[in-house]
Amino acid sequence: MANEIHPTAIIADGAKLGEDNYIAPYVVIEKDVVIGSGNNIGAHAVLKNKTRIGNENVIAEHAVLGGLPQDLGFVEKDTYVEIGSGNVLREGVTINRATKDNGSTRLGDHNYLMTQVHIGHDCQLGNNIVLAPSTGIGGHVHIDDRAFISGGVMVHQFGRIGSYAMIGGNSKITQDVLPFMMTDGVPATVHGLNLVGLRRAKFSRDDIRSLKEAYRILFLGADSLQERLAKMSLLENEKTTQLVEFIRTSKRGFHRDKPDK
């Protein structure tokens, strides 16, 4: 099907559009932009050079995608924003390009970014993630699948947020956030497993039981962290193995429920 493009939209020569896209009034699409098919782009949205968008996304009013990285040392080069398919980006969302040559800030598929969310340069987001209003994600942050980040959360650069993590509103995130757990506060601390999220995702009873035991070992154990991780590995459960690997590969340390012993 043909694209429906409002006559006030400005689409530069060189921009590439698929089929069946709706382009609302006053949208600006710059020359080096590639858009797939079936997208709905709201009024006054701006798609800047080096932006790549998949199919069937909803991009609401005043979103700005592909802006230059907010990095004082950045020198213009070929860097990108890459957005997958089936995402919803609500009003005022901003996503910045990467900083390294041929690098990309990436957003996967079926994510929901609410109003005024900011994604900094070089971030890598997976699939089925929810970011609530006014959340700010610093540069080089990785967010794994199905994380839920509540409103007003600020995430420090170079951090990682694990899959099925739940972060409470207005939290200050300065370290990695463990998968499967609830993290909340200023400073942020762990408040138990994200049981509601795990059950909604249809985790098995065995998985939840094993994660509860892993939590007990990790936060209630009296021995060293490496000894606790060794004990967690003995649980021989896919999800607890994922948790152990996340901790072992953490470069910034991780938020905890109490000071480590």
Protein backbone atom coordinates (compact mmCIF):
# COMPACT_ATOMS: atom_id res chain seq x y z
CA MET A 1 0.00 0.00 0.00
CA ALA A 2 1.08 3.57 -0.61
CA ASN A 3 2.36 5.81 2.16
CA GLU A 4 0.01 8.46 3.55
CA ILE A 5 2.06 11.63 3.95
CA HIS A 6 0.58 14.91 5.12
CA PRO A 7 1.46 17.81 2.79
CA THR A 8 3.12 19.78 5.61
CA ALA A 9 5.60 16.99 6.37
CA ILE A 10 9.16 17.63 5.20
CA ILE A 11 10.90 14.57 3.78
CA ALA A 12 14.38 15.15 2.43
CA ASP A 13 15.60 13.75 -0.84
CA GLY A 14 17.50 10.56 -0.08
CA ALA A 15 15.24 9.37 2.73
CA LYS A 16 13.96 5.85 2.08
CA LEU A 17 10.45 4.79 3.07
CA GLY A 18 8.80 1.39 2.78
CA GLU A 19 5.05 1.00 2.30
CA ASP A 20 1.89 1.78 4.25
CA ASN A 21 3.50 4.36 6.55
CA TYR A 22 1.47 7.23 7.99
CA ILE A 23 3.41 10.50 8.25
CA ALA A 24 1.49 13.13 10.24
CA PRO A 25 1.60 16.95 9.88
CA TYR A 26 4.91 18.75 10.32
CA VAL A 27 7.04 15.62 10.62
CA VAL A 28 10.66 16.17 9.58
CA ILE A 29 12.59 13.26 8.06
CA GLU A 30 16.19 14.04 7.10
CA LYS A 31 18.04 12.70 4.10
CA ASP A 32 19.92 9.69 5.51
CA VAL A 33 16.93 7.97 7.14
CA VAL A 34 15.60 4.50 6.33
CA ILE A 35 12.07 3.55 7.42
CA GLY A 36 10.40 0.18 6.95
CA SER A 37 6.68 -0.38 6.46
CA GLY A 38 3.52 0.12 8.49
CA ASN A 39 4.89 2.81 10.80
CA ASN A 40 2.78 5.60 12.32
CA ILE A 41 4.78 8.79 12.86
CA GLY A 42 3.03 11.54 14.85
CA ALA A 43 2.96 15.27 14.29
CA HIS A 44 6.19 17.26 14.78
CA ALA A 45 8.33 14.14 15.22
CA VAL A 46 11.89 14.55 13.92
CA LEU A 47 13.85 11.66 12.40
CA LYS A 48 17.40 12.85 11.96
CA ASN A 49 20.19 11.61 9.74
CA LYS A 50 21.51 8.07 10.37
CA THR A 51 18.23 6.81 11.83
CA ARG A 52 17.08 3.32 10.85
CA ILE A 53 13.57 2.15 11.72
CA GLY A 54 11.93 -1.25 11.19
CA ASN A 55 8.25 -2.02 10.76
CA GLU A 56 4.97 -1.25 12.53
CA ASN A 57 6.34 1.17 15.09
CA VAL A 58 4.30 3.97 16.65
CA ILE A 59 6.34 7.15 17.07
CA ALA A 60 4.31 9.81 18.84
CA GLU A 61 4.31 13.58 18.65
CA HIS A 62 7.54 15.52 19.23
CA ALA A 63 9.79 12.46 19.45
CA VAL A 64 13.34 13.17 18.24
CA LEU A 65 15.29 10.16 17.01
CA GLY A 66 18.92 10.20 15.89
CA GLY A 67 20.06 13.39 17.60
CA LEU A 68 23.78 13.89 18.08
CA PRO A 69 25.23 12.19 21.17
CA GLN A 70 25.40 14.41 24.22
CA ASP A 71 29.13 13.85 24.56
CA LEU A 72 31.42 16.88 24.66
CA GLY A 73 34.18 14.92 22.94
CA PHE A 74 32.06 13.75 20.00
CA VAL A 75 33.35 14.52 16.49
CA GLU A 76 30.93 13.99 13.60
CA LYS A 77 31.23 10.51 12.07
CA ASP A 78 29.01 7.74 10.74
CA THR A 79 27.05 6.60 13.77
CA TYR A 80 23.45 5.45 13.94
CA VAL A 81 20.22 4.89 15.82
CA GLU A 82 18.67 1.52 14.98
CA ILE A 83 15.09 0.75 16.04
CA GLY A 84 13.49 -2.63 15.50
CA SER A 85 9.81 -3.39 14.93
CA GLY A 86 6.59 -3.17 16.92
CA ASN A 87 7.82 -0.50 19.34
CA VAL A 88 5.76 2.32 20.85
CA LEU A 89 7.63 5.57 21.49
CA ARG A 90 5.36 8.09 23.15
CA GLU A 91 5.44 11.89 23.17
CA GLY A 92 8.80 13.57 23.55
CA VAL A 93 10.98 10.46 23.48
CA THR A 94 14.60 11.17 22.50
CA ILE A 95 17.19 8.64 21.35
CA ASN A 96 20.75 9.77 20.55
CA ARG A 97 23.21 8.36 18.03
CA ALA A 98 26.28 6.37 19.04
CA THR A 99 29.76 7.87 19.43
CA LYS A 100 32.07 5.31 17.81
CA ASP A 101 32.45 5.15 14.04
CA ASN A 102 29.85 2.79 12.52
CA GLY A 103 28.40 2.19 16.00
CA SER A 104 24.69 2.21 16.81
CA THR A 105 22.38 3.02 19.67
CA ARG A 106 19.94 0.10 19.40
CA LEU A 107 16.36 -0.53 20.46
CA GLY A 108 15.01 -4.03 19.82
CA ASP A 109 11.41 -5.10 19.25
CA HIS A 110 8.10 -4.59 21.09
CA ASN A 111 9.38 -2.07 23.61
CA TYR A 112 7.18 0.61 25.21
CA LEU A 113 8.82 3.95 25.95
CA MET A 114 6.46 6.36 27.69
CA THR A 115 6.51 10.16 27.56
CA GLN A 116 9.78 12.09 27.90
CA VAL A 117 12.03 9.04 28.04
CA HIS A 118 15.64 9.72 27.05
CA ILE A 119 18.00 7.05 25.71
CA GLY A 120 21.63 8.18 25.63
CA HIS A 121 24.33 7.40 23.10
CA ASP A 122 25.57 3.83 22.57
CA CYS A 123 22.81 2.23 24.65
CA GLN A 124 21.72 -1.29 23.76
CA LEU A 125 18.13 -2.23 24.64
CA GLY A 126 16.62 -5.66 24.07
CA ASN A 127 12.98 -6.62 23.59
CA ASN A 128 9.70 -6.19 25.52
CA ILE A 129 11.12 -3.52 27.82
CA VAL A 130 8.94 -0.88 29.50
CA LEU A 131 10.33 2.55 30.42
CA ALA A 132 7.87 4.78 32.27
CA PRO A 133 7.66 8.60 31.94
CA SER A 134 10.68 10.85 32.51
CA THR A 135 13.20 8.04 32.76
CA GLY A 136 16.75 8.97 31.74
CA ILE A 137 19.22 6.34 30.52
CA GLY A 138 22.87 7.43 30.41
CA GLY A 139 25.28 6.51 27.66
CA HIS A 140 26.51 2.94 27.06
CA VAL A 141 23.79 1.35 29.23
CA HIS A 142 22.61 -2.19 28.37
CA ILE A 143 19.05 -3.19 29.25
CA ASP A 144 18.11 -6.84 28.89
CA ASP A 145 14.76 -8.25 27.75
CA ARG A 146 11.56 -7.62 29.73
CA ALA A 147 13.00 -5.19 32.26
CA PHE A 148 10.48 -2.71 33.73
CA ILE A 149 11.80 0.73 34.69
CA SER A 150 9.37 2.98 36.53
CA GLY A 151 8.95 6.73 36.13
CA GLY A 152 11.66 9.23 36.97
CA VAL A 153 14.46 6.67 37.22
CA MET A 154 17.95 7.95 36.42
CA VAL A 155 20.47 5.35 35.21
CA HIS A 156 24.20 6.10 35.31
CA GLN A 157 26.25 5.53 32.19
CA PHE A 158 27.88 2.14 31.51
CA GLY A 159 25.42 0.28 33.72
CA ARG A 160 23.49 -2.88 32.93
CA ILE A 161 19.94 -3.80 33.86
CA GLY A 162 19.13 -7.50 33.87
CA SER A 163 16.17 -9.28 32.36
CA TYR A 164 12.88 -9.24 34.30
CA ALA A 165 14.30 -6.60 36.64
CA MET A 166 11.83 -4.15 38.18
CA ILE A 167 13.08 -0.69 39.19
CA GLY A 168 10.91 1.50 41.43
CA GLY A 169 10.01 5.10 40.61
CA ASN A 170 12.59 7.89 41.01
CA SER A 171 15.36 5.44 41.86
CA LYS A 172 19.01 6.43 41.44
CA ILE A 173 20.84 3.65 39.58
CA THR A 174 24.63 3.85 39.80
CA GLN A 175 25.52 0.15 39.50
CA ASP A 176 24.23 -2.90 37.66
CA VAL A 177 20.68 -4.02 38.45
CA LEU A 178 20.25 -7.74 39.06
CA PRO A 179 17.88 -9.73 36.84
CA PHE A 180 14.65 -11.11 38.32
CA MET A 181 14.69 -8.70 41.28
CA MET A 182 13.06 -5.49 42.49
CA THR A 183 15.42 -2.58 43.03
CA ASP A 184 14.25 0.72 44.50
CA GLY A 185 15.33 3.84 46.32
CA VAL A 186 18.02 6.52 46.65
CA PRO A 187 20.50 4.96 46.97
CA ALA A 188 18.93 1.96 45.25
CA THR A 189 18.76 -1.35 47.09
CA VAL A 190 17.28 -4.76 46.30
CA HIS A 191 13.84 -5.46 47.78
CA GLY A 192 13.35 -9.12 46.92
CA LEU A 193 12.40 -11.01 43.79
CA ASN A 194 10.15 -9.43 41.17
CA LEU A 195 7.55 -12.09 41.91
CA VAL A 196 4.67 -10.36 40.15
CA GLY A 197 6.70 -10.01 36.99
CA LEU A 198 8.01 -13.56 37.14
CA ARG A 199 4.53 -15.01 37.61
CA ARG A 200 3.11 -12.90 34.80
CA ALA A 201 5.89 -14.26 32.61
CA LYS A 202 4.79 -17.77 33.60
CA PHE A 203 8.01 -18.78 35.32
CA SER A 204 7.72 -22.32 36.61
CA ARG A 205 7.43 -23.08 40.31
CA ASP A 206 10.85 -24.70 40.14
CA ASP A 207 12.39 -21.57 38.64
CA ILE A 208 10.87 -19.34 41.32
CA ARG A 209 11.83 -21.74 44.09
CA SER A 210 15.42 -21.84 42.81
CA LEU A 211 15.60 -18.05 42.52
CA LYS A 212 14.33 -17.68 46.08
CA GLU A 213 17.07 -20.01 47.27
CA ALA A 214 19.66 -18.12 45.20
CA TYR A 215 18.47 -14.87 46.77
CA ARG A 216 18.81 -16.35 50.25
CA ILE A 217 22.35 -17.56 49.52
CA LEU A 218 23.41 -14.27 47.90
CA PHE A 219 22.09 -11.85 50.49
CA LEU A 220 21.86 -13.85 53.70
CA GLY A 221 25.06 -15.84 53.41
CA ALA A 222 28.03 -15.03 55.66
CA ASP A 223 30.87 -16.21 53.43
CA SER A 224 32.63 -14.44 50.56
CA LEU A 225 30.85 -13.44 47.38
CA GLN A 226 32.75 -16.02 45.34
CA GLU A 227 31.80 -18.76 47.79
CA ARG A 228 28.16 -17.69 47.60
CA LEU A 229 28.25 -17.73 43.81
CA ALA A 230 29.70 -21.24 43.91
CA LYS A 231 26.81 -22.37 46.11
CA MET A 232 24.30 -20.72 43.76
CA SER A 233 25.84 -22.59 40.83
CA LEU A 234 25.04 -25.89 42.56
CA LEU A 235 21.31 -25.15 42.21
CA GLU A 236 21.62 -26.20 38.55
CA ASN A 237 18.72 -24.09 37.34
CA GLU A 238 18.80 -22.10 34.09
CA LYS A 239 17.62 -18.88 35.74
CA THR A 240 19.98 -19.07 38.69
CA THR A 241 22.83 -19.83 36.30
CA GLN A 242 21.88 -16.67 34.41
CA LEU A 243 21.95 -14.71 37.68
CA VAL A 244 25.38 -16.06 38.61
CA GLU A 245 26.77 -15.20 35.17
CA PHE A 246 25.35 -11.69 35.38
CA ILE A 247 27.13 -11.10 38.70
CA ARG A 248 30.41 -12.61 37.56
CA THR A 249 30.51 -10.42 34.44
CA SER A 250 29.45 -7.22 36.19
CA LYS A 251 31.98 -4.43 35.68
CA ARG A 252 30.41 -1.78 37.91
CA GLY A 253 29.30 -3.98 40.78
CA PHE A 254 25.61 -4.44 41.52
CA HIS A 255 22.97 -2.96 43.78
CA ARG A 256 22.45 -5.05 46.93
CA ASP A 257 20.10 -5.24 49.89
CA LYS A 258 22.91 -4.68 52.39
CA PRO A 259 26.66 -4.01 52.40
CA ASP A 260 28.68 -7.02 51.22
CA LYS A 261 30.62 -8.91 53.83
